[in-house]
Amino acid sequence: MAKGAKVNLTEGKVSSHVLRMLGPFSIAVIALISTGIVDTIYLGRLTDAARPNLGVMALAAVGFAFPLTFLGNSANIGLGAGTMSAISRALGQGDTERSRRHGAAAILMGLTVMTGLVLAMLAALPYVLSMMGAEGEIKAMARDYALISFPGLVIVSVAMMSNNILRAGGEAALPSSIMILGALINIVLDPFLIFGWGPFPRMEVQGAALATLTGNTIAAIFGFSIVLFHRKAISFTDMTVSTIKRAWGVIGSVGIPAAGTNIIVPMSAAIAVTIVARGLSTVDVAAFTVASRAELISVGLLYALSACIGAITGQNGGAGLTDRVRSTFVFCYWICIIWSTLMAIILALFAPQIASIFSKDAEVVAKTIPYFYIVPITIFAYGFVFISAAGLNALGRPIYGLVYTLIRSLILYVGFIYIGVQIDGLRGAFFGMAGANIISGLIAAGWSLAKVPMSAKKS
C-alpha cells in the first residue's frame, strides 16, 4: 500500500471501512441536502399582495431551473468520480507521486470543462426554458435563478475535485468538512437574501441562488487550501502539457463517461418536469418540485454511501483484492434495503406534515402527499443503481454505470412518468417513478454481481 494514502482500505473489514466513512459523509450529505430543502421551504413561503401566488410561482420556477443546475453539478460529480478513481487506483498500486499529479491535473480539468459547459448552458438557457414549458413571470424567475447559479458551477468544480482527492485516500472528516462549510453558509444566508432581512435587499429566487454561490465559493477556497498546503495531496511542480494530457486521459477515461452518467439524471428530470408542465398545471409542477426535494430526505444516506464505496473498491481493486470488492458491493446493497425500509415507514406516517413544511398551499400539499405512499419504499433499488455506478467507476469501469443510468432515467423513468401522467395525472407520475426504480435497481445489482469483473484497470 502506498505510504501517501491516509487510510489503508485494503486491510481490515470492508464493512468497518464503509461504516467509518459513512458517518461523516452522511452528515455532509445531510447538510448539502438541507440547502435544497431550506431553499424550497423559504421560497414556498414567499408572499406579495400584488402576486398572491408568489410562493407557488417561485417553487415552479425553481422546478424548471433545478434540472439545469443539477446538470452542471452532475458534470462536476462525474469529473470528481474520475478524479477519485484515478487517485485511489494509483494509491492501491503504490504510486503516491502519480496520485499527486493526477490531483493537480484534475483541478485544472474541472475548471476547463465546467467553464465551457457553463457558457454553453447560458447560451441555451432561454430556448431550453421555453421548450420545458416555462412562461411569463415564472420563466423570468427561472432565468434569474439560473444566471446566478450557473457561473457558480465553475467554482464548485474546485471544491468537488478537492473533496474527491481526499476521499480517494480513504479520508472522511476533511472532505466532509468542505461540504458542510459550504452548506452551512448557504443555509444561514438564505433567509437574509430571499426575504431581505436586515440590511440585505429582498432578492427572492435570486437570493436563494446567491446564497448557494457564496457558500460554494468559500467551500472551494477552503478545500483547495487543504489539498495544496495541509495535506500536500496535489503537486503542480514540473507540470507540462504532455503530463497534463496524460493525466486528463486517465481521469477522463472514467470522468467523462461518469459525467455523462450523472448528466442523464437531470436530463431525465428536465424531461419529467416538461411532461408534467405540458400535461398538467402549474400547481402540479410545484407539487412535483416539492416531491423531488422531499425525495432528497430518503436518498441522503444512500448518496453518502456512494461517496464511500469508490475509495474502497478503487484501492482494493487496484491491489487485486477482488473478493473484498465484491463484499463491499453486497454490504452496501444491504444498507440500501435497510435504510429505504426505515425511511418509507417514517415518510408514510408523517406524509401530510412533511408536505406542509414545503408549502402552505393546500392544493400543492394535497397533490404531493401520494408521493410519500408510493415512491420511498422503492428508493433502495434506485440506490442500487448509483451505488453500482460509483463502485464500478472507481474500478475504471464507468460504462456499466452509464448503461444502468440510461436504463433507469432515460428509458424507464421518462417513459413510465409519461404513461403515468396520461393515465392518472401526477399520482400516475409517482407510480412511474416507483416502477423505474424497482426494475433498474434489480438490473444493476444483479448484473454487477453476476457479470462485471471486480478487478481494477491500471490508473
Protein backbone atom coordinates (compact mmCIF):
# COMPACT_ATOMS: atom_id res chain seq x y z
CA MET A 1 0.00 0.00 0.00
CA ALA A 2 1.31 3.45 -0.85
CA LYS A 3 2.56 5.36 2.15
CA GLY A 4 0.83 8.50 0.83
CA ALA A 5 -2.61 7.03 1.37
CA LYS A 6 -4.11 8.39 4.58
CA VAL A 7 -6.06 5.18 5.31
CA ASN A 8 -5.22 1.69 4.07
CA LEU A 9 -8.54 0.33 2.81
CA THR A 10 -7.01 -2.95 1.64
CA GLU A 11 -6.80 -4.26 5.23
CA GLY A 12 -9.46 -4.80 7.89
CA LYS A 13 -13.17 -5.47 7.41
CA VAL A 14 -14.68 -3.67 4.44
CA SER A 15 -17.87 -3.21 6.46
CA SER A 16 -15.88 -1.33 9.11
CA HIS A 17 -14.38 0.96 6.48
CA VAL A 18 -17.81 1.65 4.98
CA LEU A 19 -19.36 2.47 8.35
CA ARG A 20 -16.36 4.59 9.44
CA MET A 21 -16.66 6.75 6.32
CA LEU A 22 -20.46 6.71 6.23
CA GLY A 23 -20.89 8.74 9.42
CA PRO A 24 -19.01 11.90 8.34
CA PHE A 25 -20.27 11.65 4.77
CA SER A 26 -23.86 11.30 5.96
CA ILE A 27 -23.55 14.50 7.97
CA ALA A 28 -22.06 16.24 4.94
CA VAL A 29 -24.75 15.00 2.56
CA ILE A 30 -27.49 15.92 5.03
CA ALA A 31 -26.01 19.41 5.16
CA LEU A 32 -25.97 19.63 1.36
CA ILE A 33 -29.49 18.26 1.01
CA SER A 34 -30.68 20.69 3.66
CA THR A 35 -29.72 23.61 1.43
CA GLY A 36 -32.17 22.49 -1.25
CA ILE A 37 -34.83 21.71 1.32
CA VAL A 38 -34.39 25.06 3.09
CA ASP A 39 -34.48 26.89 -0.26
CA THR A 40 -37.76 25.17 -1.09
CA ILE A 41 -39.30 25.89 2.31
CA TYR A 42 -38.41 29.59 2.22
CA LEU A 43 -39.41 30.10 -1.42
CA GLY A 44 -42.74 28.34 -0.81
CA ARG A 45 -43.45 30.91 1.92
CA LEU A 46 -42.90 34.00 -0.23
CA THR A 47 -45.88 36.34 -0.17
CA ASP A 48 -46.74 39.53 -2.02
CA ALA A 49 -50.12 41.29 -2.14
CA ALA A 50 -49.58 42.11 -5.81
CA ARG A 51 -48.68 38.47 -6.59
CA PRO A 52 -50.97 36.24 -4.49
CA ASN A 53 -49.49 33.02 -5.91
CA LEU A 54 -45.86 34.08 -5.46
CA GLY A 55 -44.89 31.05 -3.37
CA VAL A 56 -46.29 28.60 -5.92
CA MET A 57 -44.66 30.55 -8.77
CA ALA A 58 -41.29 30.51 -7.01
CA LEU A 59 -41.49 26.75 -6.48
CA ALA A 60 -42.43 26.22 -10.12
CA ALA A 61 -39.58 28.49 -11.29
CA VAL A 62 -37.01 26.58 -9.26
CA GLY A 63 -38.58 23.37 -10.56
CA PHE A 64 -37.74 24.50 -14.10
CA ALA A 65 -34.25 25.74 -13.22
CA PHE A 66 -33.24 22.90 -10.89
CA PRO A 67 -32.68 20.23 -13.58
CA LEU A 68 -30.37 22.64 -15.42
CA THR A 69 -28.23 23.47 -12.39
CA PHE A 70 -28.37 19.79 -11.48
CA LEU A 71 -26.93 19.05 -14.92
CA GLY A 72 -23.88 21.20 -14.17
CA ASN A 73 -23.50 19.69 -10.71
CA SER A 74 -23.79 16.23 -12.24
CA ALA A 75 -20.94 17.00 -14.62
CA ASN A 76 -18.86 18.06 -11.63
CA ILE A 77 -19.77 14.84 -9.81
CA GLY A 78 -18.75 12.80 -12.84
CA LEU A 79 -15.38 14.52 -13.13
CA GLY A 80 -14.96 14.02 -9.39
CA ALA A 81 -15.61 10.31 -9.88
CA GLY A 82 -12.85 10.20 -12.49
CA THR A 83 -10.53 12.00 -10.09
CA MET A 84 -11.27 9.65 -7.22
CA SER A 85 -10.94 6.60 -9.46
CA ALA A 86 -7.55 7.63 -10.86
CA ILE A 87 -6.10 8.58 -7.48
CA SER A 88 -7.45 5.63 -5.48
CA ARG A 89 -6.14 3.16 -8.07
CA ALA A 90 -2.74 4.86 -8.08
CA LEU A 91 -2.62 4.62 -4.30
CA GLY A 92 -3.69 0.99 -4.39
CA GLN A 93 -0.87 0.33 -6.86
CA GLY A 94 1.64 2.07 -4.58
CA ASP A 95 2.38 5.24 -6.61
CA THR A 96 1.91 8.32 -4.40
CA GLU A 97 3.62 10.77 -6.76
CA ARG A 98 1.35 9.76 -9.61
CA SER A 99 -1.66 10.29 -7.37
CA ARG A 100 -0.47 13.86 -6.57
CA ARG A 101 -0.02 14.67 -10.26
CA HIS A 102 -3.47 13.30 -11.02
CA GLY A 103 -4.94 15.51 -8.30
CA ALA A 104 -3.42 18.72 -9.66
CA ALA A 105 -4.46 17.88 -13.21
CA ALA A 106 -7.99 17.12 -12.03
CA ILE A 107 -8.49 20.63 -10.66
CA LEU A 108 -7.30 22.16 -13.94
CA MET A 109 -9.57 19.80 -15.87
CA GLY A 110 -12.58 20.69 -13.74
CA LEU A 111 -12.11 24.42 -14.28
CA THR A 112 -11.65 23.99 -18.02
CA VAL A 113 -14.55 21.63 -18.66
CA MET A 114 -17.02 23.47 -16.44
CA THR A 115 -16.20 26.87 -17.96
CA GLY A 116 -17.06 25.52 -21.39
CA LEU A 117 -20.21 23.80 -20.16
CA VAL A 118 -21.48 26.88 -18.29
CA LEU A 119 -21.00 29.11 -21.35
CA ALA A 120 -22.99 26.63 -23.43
CA MET A 121 -25.74 26.43 -20.79
CA LEU A 122 -26.04 30.21 -20.59
CA ALA A 123 -26.37 30.46 -24.37
CA ALA A 124 -29.06 27.77 -24.48
CA LEU A 125 -30.99 28.87 -21.36
CA PRO A 126 -33.84 30.90 -22.97
CA TYR A 127 -34.57 28.20 -25.52
CA VAL A 128 -34.45 25.35 -23.02
CA LEU A 129 -36.82 27.07 -20.60
CA SER A 130 -39.30 27.69 -23.42
CA MET A 131 -39.09 24.06 -24.56
CA MET A 132 -39.75 22.91 -21.00
CA GLY A 133 -42.96 24.95 -20.92
CA ALA A 134 -41.89 27.85 -18.68
CA GLU A 135 -43.82 31.01 -19.50
CA GLY A 136 -44.24 34.61 -18.38
CA GLU A 137 -43.09 35.58 -14.92
CA ILE A 138 -42.24 32.00 -13.97
CA LYS A 139 -39.83 31.83 -16.91
CA ALA A 140 -38.28 35.16 -15.88
CA MET A 141 -37.81 33.92 -12.31
CA ALA A 142 -36.24 30.66 -13.50
CA ARG A 143 -33.87 32.63 -15.75
CA ASP A 144 -32.86 34.97 -12.91
CA TYR A 145 -32.11 31.99 -10.67
CA ALA A 146 -30.01 30.28 -13.35
CA LEU A 147 -27.99 33.39 -14.29
CA ILE A 148 -26.55 33.46 -10.77
CA SER A 149 -26.27 29.73 -10.12
CA PHE A 150 -24.67 28.71 -13.45
CA PRO A 151 -21.35 30.61 -13.03
CA GLY A 152 -21.07 29.15 -9.54
CA LEU A 153 -20.75 25.70 -11.10
CA VAL A 154 -17.21 26.56 -12.21
CA ILE A 155 -16.31 27.41 -8.62
CA VAL A 156 -17.97 24.23 -7.37
CA SER A 157 -15.57 22.20 -9.52
CA VAL A 158 -12.64 23.19 -7.28
CA ALA A 159 -14.48 22.09 -4.13
CA MET A 160 -15.63 18.88 -5.84
CA MET A 161 -12.17 17.87 -7.05
CA SER A 162 -10.61 18.72 -3.66
CA ASN A 163 -13.24 16.60 -1.96
CA ASN A 164 -12.58 13.60 -4.18
CA ILE A 165 -8.80 13.89 -3.88
CA LEU A 166 -9.16 13.48 -0.11
CA ARG A 167 -11.78 10.73 -0.38
CA ALA A 168 -9.53 8.68 -2.67
CA GLY A 169 -7.09 8.32 0.22
CA GLY A 170 -9.79 6.95 2.49
CA GLU A 171 -10.36 10.19 4.43
CA ALA A 172 -13.83 11.10 5.62
CA ALA A 173 -13.71 14.03 8.08
CA LEU A 174 -11.82 16.55 5.95
CA PRO A 175 -13.74 16.08 2.69
CA SER A 176 -16.97 16.17 4.68
CA SER A 177 -15.94 19.45 6.29
CA ILE A 178 -15.63 21.05 2.86
CA MET A 179 -19.21 20.13 2.00
CA ILE A 180 -20.57 21.06 5.43
CA LEU A 181 -18.94 24.51 5.42
CA GLY A 182 -20.47 25.48 2.09
CA ALA A 183 -23.88 24.14 3.08
CA LEU A 184 -23.98 25.95 6.44
CA ILE A 185 -23.09 29.29 4.84
CA ASN A 186 -25.81 28.73 2.26
CA ILE A 187 -28.44 27.91 4.90
CA VAL A 188 -27.53 30.89 7.10
CA LEU A 189 -27.63 33.36 4.20
CA ASP A 190 -30.89 32.05 2.69
CA PRO A 191 -33.49 33.99 4.73
CA PHE A 192 -31.45 37.21 4.65
CA LEU A 193 -31.17 37.20 0.86
CA ILE A 194 -34.55 35.67 -0.01
CA PHE A 195 -36.70 37.83 2.31
CA GLY A 196 -34.41 40.86 2.64
CA TRP A 197 -33.75 40.63 6.35
CA GLY A 198 -31.68 43.38 7.97
CA PRO A 199 -29.59 45.43 5.55
CA PHE A 200 -29.98 42.93 2.71
CA PRO A 201 -32.29 43.55 -0.27
CA ARG A 202 -35.23 41.21 -0.89
CA MET A 203 -34.00 39.04 -3.78
CA GLU A 204 -36.47 36.11 -3.67
CA VAL A 205 -35.29 33.31 -6.05
CA GLN A 206 -32.14 35.27 -6.89
CA GLY A 207 -31.34 35.39 -3.19
CA ALA A 208 -31.51 31.59 -2.96
CA ALA A 209 -29.09 31.31 -5.87
CA LEU A 210 -26.70 33.92 -4.43
CA ALA A 211 -26.62 32.17 -1.04
CA THR A 212 -25.61 28.95 -2.80
CA LEU A 213 -22.94 30.73 -4.85
CA THR A 214 -21.43 32.33 -1.74
CA GLY A 215 -21.33 29.08 0.20
CA ASN A 216 -19.73 27.21 -2.70
CA THR A 217 -17.07 29.88 -3.19
CA ILE A 218 -15.94 29.71 0.43
CA ALA A 219 -16.01 25.89 0.34
CA ALA A 220 -13.85 25.88 -2.81
CA ILE A 221 -11.23 28.14 -1.23
CA PHE A 222 -11.18 26.01 1.91
CA GLY A 223 -10.92 22.72 0.01
CA PHE A 224 -8.15 23.88 -2.29
CA SER A 225 -6.07 25.14 0.64
CA ILE A 226 -6.41 21.75 2.35
CA VAL A 227 -5.24 19.64 -0.58
CA LEU A 228 -2.47 22.04 -1.59
CA PHE A 229 -1.00 23.18 1.73
CA HIS A 230 -2.29 20.99 4.55
CA ARG A 231 -2.35 17.51 3.01
CA LYS A 232 0.02 18.27 0.10
CA ALA A 233 -2.13 15.87 -1.89
CA ILE A 234 -1.58 17.70 -5.19
CA SER A 235 1.52 18.94 -6.95
CA PHE A 236 1.77 21.43 -9.82
CA THR A 237 5.57 21.19 -9.85
CA ASP A 238 7.15 20.37 -13.23
CA MET A 239 3.77 20.04 -14.93
CA THR A 240 4.00 20.11 -18.72
CA VAL A 241 1.44 19.94 -21.50
CA SER A 242 2.28 16.28 -22.07
CA THR A 243 1.91 15.30 -18.39
CA ILE A 244 -1.38 17.18 -18.14
CA LYS A 245 -2.69 15.47 -21.28
CA ARG A 246 -1.74 12.05 -19.92
CA ALA A 247 -3.40 12.74 -16.58
CA TRP A 248 -6.50 14.14 -18.26
CA GLY A 249 -6.66 10.98 -20.35
CA VAL A 250 -6.63 8.77 -17.25
CA ILE A 251 -9.15 10.94 -15.38
CA GLY A 252 -11.32 11.46 -18.44
CA SER A 253 -11.50 7.75 -19.26
CA VAL A 254 -13.71 7.45 -16.17
CA GLY A 255 -14.71 11.07 -15.58
CA ILE A 256 -16.28 11.73 -18.98
CA PRO A 257 -18.49 8.60 -19.03
CA ALA A 258 -19.28 9.21 -15.34
CA ALA A 259 -20.19 12.82 -16.12
CA GLY A 260 -22.41 11.53 -18.91
CA THR A 261 -23.96 9.10 -16.44
CA ASN A 262 -24.67 11.88 -13.95
CA ILE A 263 -25.91 14.30 -16.60
CA ILE A 264 -28.53 11.76 -17.70
CA VAL A 265 -30.29 12.17 -14.33
CA PRO A 266 -31.01 15.93 -14.63
CA MET A 267 -31.82 15.49 -18.31
CA SER A 268 -34.48 12.98 -17.39
CA ALA A 269 -35.65 15.28 -14.58
CA ALA A 270 -35.99 18.15 -17.06
CA ILE A 271 -37.99 15.94 -19.41
CA ALA A 272 -40.18 14.81 -16.50
CA VAL A 273 -40.87 18.43 -15.50
CA THR A 274 -41.72 19.17 -19.14
CA ILE A 275 -44.16 16.24 -19.24
CA VAL A 276 -45.86 17.46 -16.06
CA ALA A 277 -45.88 21.12 -17.17
CA ARG A 278 -47.34 20.41 -20.61
CA GLY A 279 -49.77 17.74 -19.50
CA LEU A 280 -50.94 19.15 -16.18
CA SER A 281 -50.92 22.51 -14.33
CA THR A 282 -48.61 24.97 -12.58
CA VAL A 283 -49.77 23.57 -9.23
CA ASP A 284 -48.73 20.10 -10.41
CA VAL A 285 -45.29 21.42 -11.35
CA ALA A 286 -44.98 22.97 -7.88
CA ALA A 287 -46.06 19.69 -6.25
CA PHE A 288 -43.65 17.69 -8.42
CA THR A 289 -40.88 20.09 -7.31
CA VAL A 290 -41.79 19.53 -3.66
CA ALA A 291 -41.81 15.75 -4.18
CA SER A 292 -38.41 15.89 -5.86
CA ARG A 293 -36.96 17.84 -2.95
CA ALA A 294 -38.65 15.56 -0.43
CA GLU A 295 -37.01 12.61 -2.17
CA LEU A 296 -33.66 14.00 -1.04
CA ILE A 297 -34.67 13.10 2.53
CA SER A 298 -34.83 9.40 1.74
CA VAL A 299 -31.81 9.18 -0.57
CA GLY A 300 -29.46 11.27 1.60
CA LEU A 301 -27.72 8.39 3.36
CA LEU A 302 -27.52 6.45 0.09
CA TYR A 303 -25.76 9.39 -1.59
CA ALA A 304 -23.31 9.32 1.32
CA LEU A 305 -22.87 5.59 0.77
CA SER A 306 -21.99 6.18 -2.87
CA ALA A 307 -19.31 8.60 -1.66
CA CYS A 308 -17.81 5.82 0.49
CA ILE A 309 -17.81 2.88 -1.87
CA GLY A 310 -15.49 4.25 -4.56
CA ALA A 311 -12.41 4.67 -2.39
CA ILE A 312 -12.80 1.13 -1.05
CA THR A 313 -13.42 -0.57 -4.40
CA GLY A 314 -10.72 1.55 -6.06
CA GLN A 315 -7.97 0.76 -3.57
CA ASN A 316 -8.86 -2.93 -3.25
CA GLY A 317 -9.37 -3.34 -6.98
CA GLY A 318 -6.04 -1.63 -7.61
CA ALA A 319 -4.41 -4.09 -5.20
CA GLY A 320 -6.08 -7.06 -6.92
CA LEU A 321 -8.31 -7.96 -3.94
CA THR A 322 -11.45 -8.78 -5.90
CA ASP A 323 -13.20 -10.68 -3.08
CA ARG A 324 -13.07 -7.55 -0.94
CA VAL A 325 -14.51 -5.52 -3.81
CA ARG A 326 -17.47 -7.90 -4.16
CA SER A 327 -18.05 -7.91 -0.39
CA THR A 328 -18.17 -4.11 -0.45
CA PHE A 329 -20.95 -4.10 -3.06
CA VAL A 330 -23.01 -6.68 -1.15
CA PHE A 331 -22.70 -4.84 2.16
CA CYS A 332 -23.70 -1.52 0.56
CA TYR A 333 -26.74 -3.11 -1.10
CA TRP A 334 -27.95 -4.35 2.29
CA ILE A 335 -27.60 -0.84 3.72
CA CYS A 336 -29.76 0.43 0.85
CA ILE A 337 -32.52 -2.06 1.72
CA ILE A 338 -32.50 -1.37 5.45
CA TRP A 339 -32.41 2.43 5.09
CA SER A 340 -35.11 2.56 2.41
CA THR A 341 -37.48 0.45 4.51
CA LEU A 342 -36.96 2.66 7.56
CA MET A 343 -37.47 5.90 5.62
CA ALA A 344 -40.53 4.57 3.80
CA ILE A 345 -42.24 3.90 7.14
CA ILE A 346 -41.37 7.32 8.56
CA LEU A 347 -42.36 9.26 5.42
CA ALA A 348 -45.66 7.39 5.11
CA LEU A 349 -46.56 8.07 8.76
CA PHE A 350 -45.85 11.79 8.53
CA ALA A 351 -46.69 12.50 4.88
CA PRO A 352 -49.16 15.38 5.44
CA GLN A 353 -46.90 17.10 7.95
CA ILE A 354 -43.82 16.83 5.73
CA ALA A 355 -45.65 18.11 2.65
CA SER A 356 -47.00 21.06 4.67
CA ILE A 357 -43.45 22.08 5.62
CA PHE A 358 -42.64 22.79 1.98
CA SER A 359 -45.78 24.68 1.01
CA LYS A 360 -48.78 26.31 2.68
CA ASP A 361 -50.86 25.99 -0.48
CA ALA A 362 -53.49 23.33 0.27
CA GLU A 363 -53.70 22.10 -3.31
CA VAL A 364 -49.91 21.71 -3.61
CA VAL A 365 -49.84 19.77 -0.34
CA ALA A 366 -52.71 17.50 -1.41
CA LYS A 367 -51.07 16.69 -4.73
CA THR A 368 -47.70 15.97 -3.07
CA ILE A 369 -48.91 13.58 -0.34
CA PRO A 370 -49.42 10.49 -2.61
CA TYR A 371 -45.69 10.55 -3.39
CA PHE A 372 -44.86 9.53 0.19
CA TYR A 373 -47.02 6.39 -0.03
CA ILE A 374 -45.74 5.28 -3.45
CA VAL A 375 -42.08 6.08 -4.09
CA PRO A 376 -39.95 5.89 -0.89
CA ILE A 377 -40.30 2.10 -0.46
CA THR A 378 -38.59 1.72 -3.87
CA ILE A 379 -35.66 4.02 -3.10
CA PHE A 380 -33.46 1.04 -2.16
CA ALA A 381 -33.47 -0.03 -5.81
CA TYR A 382 -32.58 3.46 -7.02
CA GLY A 383 -29.73 3.27 -4.52
CA PHE A 384 -28.57 0.03 -6.19
CA VAL A 385 -28.17 1.97 -9.44
CA PHE A 386 -25.94 4.79 -8.24
CA ILE A 387 -24.08 2.63 -5.69
CA SER A 388 -23.19 0.22 -8.50
CA ALA A 389 -22.13 3.07 -10.76
CA ALA A 390 -19.94 4.69 -8.07
CA GLY A 391 -18.21 1.45 -7.14
CA LEU A 392 -17.55 0.46 -10.75
CA ASN A 393 -16.35 3.95 -11.70
CA ALA A 394 -13.60 3.59 -9.10
CA LEU A 395 -12.53 0.33 -10.75
CA GLY A 396 -12.13 2.19 -14.04
CA ARG A 397 -15.29 0.58 -15.46
CA PRO A 398 -17.68 3.53 -15.98
CA ILE A 399 -19.64 2.12 -18.92
CA TYR A 400 -21.69 -0.16 -16.68
CA GLY A 401 -22.91 2.77 -14.61
CA LEU A 402 -23.69 4.68 -17.80
CA VAL A 403 -25.83 1.81 -19.10
CA TYR A 404 -27.60 1.32 -15.75
CA THR A 405 -28.43 5.03 -15.58
CA LEU A 406 -29.61 5.14 -19.20
CA ILE A 407 -31.99 2.29 -18.47
CA ARG A 408 -33.28 3.84 -15.26
CA SER A 409 -33.52 7.51 -16.16
CA LEU A 410 -33.99 8.00 -19.90
CA ILE A 411 -35.88 4.82 -20.71
CA LEU A 412 -37.87 3.73 -17.65
CA TYR A 413 -38.18 6.98 -15.61
CA VAL A 414 -39.20 9.21 -18.51
CA GLY A 415 -41.28 6.55 -20.21
CA PHE A 416 -43.17 5.49 -17.09
CA ILE A 417 -43.82 9.08 -15.98
CA TYR A 418 -45.26 9.91 -19.40
CA ILE A 419 -47.55 6.89 -19.28
CA GLY A 420 -48.47 7.58 -15.66
CA VAL A 421 -49.43 11.21 -16.35
CA GLN A 422 -51.71 10.10 -19.20
CA ILE A 423 -53.43 7.53 -17.01
CA ASP A 424 -53.61 9.13 -13.57
CA GLY A 425 -52.11 12.64 -13.60
CA LEU A 426 -49.45 13.46 -11.03
CA ARG A 427 -50.16 10.35 -8.97
CA GLY A 428 -49.52 8.30 -12.10
CA ALA A 429 -46.15 10.05 -12.43
CA PHE A 430 -45.28 8.89 -8.91
CA PHE A 431 -46.17 5.29 -9.80
CA GLY A 432 -43.93 5.67 -12.86
CA MET A 433 -41.03 6.77 -10.67
CA ALA A 434 -41.51 3.75 -8.41
CA GLY A 435 -41.59 1.32 -11.30
CA ALA A 436 -38.44 2.77 -12.83
CA ASN A 437 -36.62 2.43 -9.52
CA ILE A 438 -37.51 -1.23 -8.97
CA ILE A 439 -36.74 -2.55 -12.44
CA SER A 440 -33.48 -0.63 -12.93
CA GLY A 441 -32.22 -1.40 -9.43
CA LEU A 442 -32.65 -5.14 -9.83
CA ILE A 443 -30.86 -4.98 -13.18
CA ALA A 444 -27.94 -3.00 -11.74
CA ALA A 445 -27.35 -5.18 -8.68
CA GLY A 446 -27.92 -8.47 -10.47
CA TRP A 447 -25.65 -7.70 -13.42
CA SER A 448 -22.89 -6.18 -11.28
CA LEU A 449 -22.60 -9.21 -9.02
CA ALA A 450 -23.05 -11.84 -11.72
CA LYS A 451 -21.24 -10.44 -14.76
CA VAL A 452 -18.95 -7.48 -14.04
CA PRO A 453 -15.20 -8.06 -13.35
CA MET A 454 -14.27 -6.96 -9.84
CA SER A 455 -10.68 -6.06 -10.79
CA ALA A 456 -9.45 -2.51 -11.41
CA LYS A 457 -7.95 -1.18 -14.59
CA LYS A 458 -4.47 0.34 -14.26
CA SER A 459 -4.55 4.03 -13.37
